[in-house]
Protein backbone atom coordinates (compact mmCIF):
# COMPACT_ATOMS: atom_id res chain seq x y z
CA MET A 1 1.37 -35.22 -74.22
CA ASP A 2 -1.50 -33.79 -72.19
CA ILE A 3 -4.12 -31.90 -74.14
CA ASN A 4 -6.07 -29.30 -72.20
CA THR A 5 -9.61 -29.72 -73.54
CA ASN A 6 -10.54 -26.15 -72.59
CA GLN A 7 -7.61 -24.81 -74.64
CA LEU A 8 -8.59 -27.08 -77.53
CA LYS A 9 -12.20 -25.79 -77.44
CA ARG A 10 -11.01 -22.20 -77.35
CA SER A 11 -8.60 -22.68 -80.24
CA MET A 12 -11.46 -24.02 -82.36
CA CYS A 13 -14.09 -21.42 -81.53
CA LEU A 14 -15.75 -19.47 -84.32
CA TRP A 15 -18.15 -16.61 -84.75
CA TYR A 16 -21.40 -18.15 -85.98
CA PHE A 17 -23.77 -16.45 -88.39
CA PRO A 18 -27.23 -15.74 -87.01
CA PRO A 19 -30.30 -17.33 -88.64
CA ASN A 20 -31.84 -15.60 -91.67
CA ASP A 21 -33.42 -12.24 -90.86
CA PHE A 22 -31.74 -12.14 -87.42
CA PHE A 23 -29.14 -9.63 -86.37
CA LYS A 24 -26.30 -10.53 -84.05
CA ALA A 25 -25.17 -8.18 -81.31
CA ASN A 26 -21.85 -9.09 -79.75
CA PHE A 27 -20.99 -7.14 -76.60
CA ASP A 28 -17.98 -6.74 -74.36
CA GLY A 29 -16.65 -4.79 -71.41
CA ASP A 30 -13.08 -4.44 -70.25
CA ALA A 31 -11.33 -3.10 -67.16
CA LYS A 32 -7.62 -2.47 -66.75
CA GLY A 33 -7.70 -2.86 -62.96
CA LYS A 34 -10.09 -3.72 -60.12
CA PRO A 35 -11.53 -1.11 -60.49
CA GLY A 36 -9.64 0.66 -63.21
CA PRO A 37 -10.04 2.36 -66.58
CA THR A 38 -12.88 0.63 -68.41
CA GLY A 39 -14.70 0.61 -71.70
CA CYS A 40 -17.63 -1.18 -73.27
CA GLY A 41 -18.92 -1.79 -76.73
CA GLY A 42 -21.10 -3.64 -79.15
CA VAL A 43 -20.98 -4.84 -82.74
CA ILE A 44 -24.15 -5.48 -84.77
CA GLN A 45 -23.95 -7.77 -87.80
CA ASN A 46 -26.63 -9.18 -90.07
CA TRP A 47 -27.31 -12.79 -91.08
CA VAL A 48 -24.62 -12.72 -93.79
CA GLY A 49 -22.00 -11.23 -91.45
CA PHE A 50 -22.16 -7.66 -92.78
CA CYS A 51 -21.25 -5.20 -90.02
CA ILE A 52 -24.14 -2.77 -89.49
CA LYS A 53 -22.77 -0.70 -86.62
CA VAL A 54 -20.00 -0.62 -84.01
CA VAL A 55 -20.17 1.34 -80.75
CA ALA A 56 -17.53 1.71 -78.05
CA PHE A 57 -17.40 4.01 -75.03
CA PRO A 58 -14.87 4.76 -72.31
CA LEU A 59 -16.45 4.48 -68.85
CA GLY A 60 -13.84 5.93 -66.49
CA ASN A 61 -12.86 3.88 -63.43
CA GLN A 62 -15.33 1.02 -62.96
CA THR A 63 -15.35 -2.73 -62.46
CA ASN A 64 -15.22 -5.31 -65.24
CA HIS A 65 -18.69 -6.65 -64.34
CA LEU A 66 -20.26 -3.21 -64.71
CA ALA A 67 -18.40 -2.67 -68.00
CA GLU A 68 -19.77 -5.99 -69.35
CA VAL A 69 -23.35 -5.09 -68.39
CA LEU A 70 -23.01 -1.62 -69.91
CA GLY A 71 -21.73 -3.33 -73.07
CA ILE A 72 -24.95 -5.37 -73.16
CA LEU A 73 -27.01 -2.22 -72.72
CA GLN A 74 -25.15 -0.39 -75.50
CA ALA A 75 -25.56 -3.31 -77.92
CA ILE A 76 -29.26 -3.90 -77.30
CA LYS A 77 -30.14 -0.19 -77.23
CA LEU A 78 -28.38 0.19 -80.58
CA ALA A 79 -30.25 -2.81 -82.04
CA HIS A 80 -33.55 -1.50 -80.67
CA ASN A 81 -32.94 2.02 -82.01
CA LEU A 82 -32.13 0.57 -85.44
CA GLY A 83 -35.56 -1.12 -85.44
CA MET A 84 -34.31 -4.69 -85.25
CA LYS A 85 -36.88 -7.22 -84.07
CA LEU A 86 -34.95 -10.53 -84.25
CA LEU A 87 -31.73 -10.50 -82.24
CA TRP A 88 -29.02 -12.88 -81.12
CA LEU A 89 -27.12 -11.36 -78.20
CA GLU A 90 -23.70 -12.88 -77.52
CA GLY A 91 -20.77 -12.11 -75.27
CA ASP A 92 -17.80 -13.64 -73.52
CA SER A 93 -18.87 -13.02 -69.90
CA LYS A 94 -20.56 -16.24 -68.79
CA ASN A 95 -21.37 -14.79 -65.34
CA ILE A 96 -23.12 -11.74 -66.76
CA ILE A 97 -25.04 -13.81 -69.31
CA ASN A 98 -26.20 -16.15 -66.54
CA CYS A 99 -27.38 -13.12 -64.53
CA LEU A 100 -29.26 -11.85 -67.59
CA LEU A 101 -30.88 -15.28 -68.07
CA GLY A 102 -31.89 -15.46 -64.40
CA LYS A 103 -29.57 -18.38 -63.62
CA TYR A 104 -27.51 -16.26 -61.18
CA GLN A 105 -28.60 -13.46 -58.91
CA PRO A 106 -26.78 -10.26 -59.95
CA SER A 107 -24.86 -8.33 -57.32
CA TRP A 108 -26.41 -5.10 -56.13
CA THR A 109 -23.81 -3.15 -58.16
CA ILE A 110 -25.22 -4.38 -61.49
CA LYS A 111 -28.81 -5.37 -60.62
CA ASN A 112 -30.41 -2.18 -61.99
CA SER A 113 -28.47 -2.46 -65.25
CA ILE A 114 -29.41 -6.15 -65.64
CA ASP A 115 -33.08 -5.25 -65.00
CA SER A 116 -32.88 -2.46 -67.61
CA ALA A 117 -31.36 -4.86 -70.14
CA ARG A 118 -34.14 -7.40 -69.52
CA GLU A 119 -36.79 -4.72 -70.12
CA ILE A 120 -35.24 -3.73 -73.46
CA ILE A 121 -34.89 -7.38 -74.50
CA GLU A 122 -38.63 -7.88 -73.93
CA GLY A 123 -39.20 -5.35 -76.75
CA PHE A 124 -37.70 -7.69 -79.36
CA ASP A 125 -39.92 -10.24 -81.11
CA GLN A 126 -37.22 -12.87 -80.45
CA CYS A 127 -33.89 -12.66 -78.67
CA TYR A 128 -31.44 -15.54 -78.26
CA ILE A 129 -28.76 -15.01 -75.62
CA SER A 130 -25.54 -17.02 -75.65
CA HIS A 131 -21.96 -17.18 -74.44
CA ASP A 132 -18.92 -17.35 -76.66
CA TYR A 133 -15.22 -17.31 -75.93
CA ARG A 134 -13.15 -14.15 -76.30
CA GLU A 135 -11.54 -15.64 -79.41
CA ALA A 136 -14.93 -15.59 -81.20
CA ASN A 137 -15.72 -12.10 -79.86
CA ARG A 138 -12.63 -10.39 -81.27
CA SER A 139 -14.23 -7.53 -83.18
CA VAL A 140 -16.03 -6.12 -80.18
CA ASP A 141 -13.08 -6.98 -77.89
CA TRP A 142 -10.92 -4.79 -80.12
CA ALA A 143 -13.46 -1.93 -80.07
CA THR A 144 -13.77 -2.14 -76.29
CA ASN A 145 -10.00 -2.05 -75.80
CA GLU A 146 -9.85 1.01 -78.03
CA ALA A 147 -12.47 2.70 -75.82
CA VAL A 148 -10.42 2.01 -72.69
């Protein structure tokens, strides 16, 4: 029997608690077409997993990449407006996270939004940025689908 290691990793993925005094902002964006109806959202939880706030917005007809970036912006703006200083930002779009981290050059369609997100992130005392699989990002995935 062949075991697909990627499927095995994804079946074992979990949402991890942030360190003490950190807040975790999970983000997501979704498109039902290329382009098509889209939505974005964010979920903020504290270090014990208590949900502080959920946001989700329909975006009209856009691309998935733009929806993901707008999800980042919604999550970090919410965390910033709530006065959070220690943040762990996490989402399931590896490409968008790599653009945010400067590992990839963003396309011209999302460059301004990525630049805006970076500016807001600089306002936090500390901000970890990481990728997770959709299976560990279910709460915000649900909210985003509801927004679509």
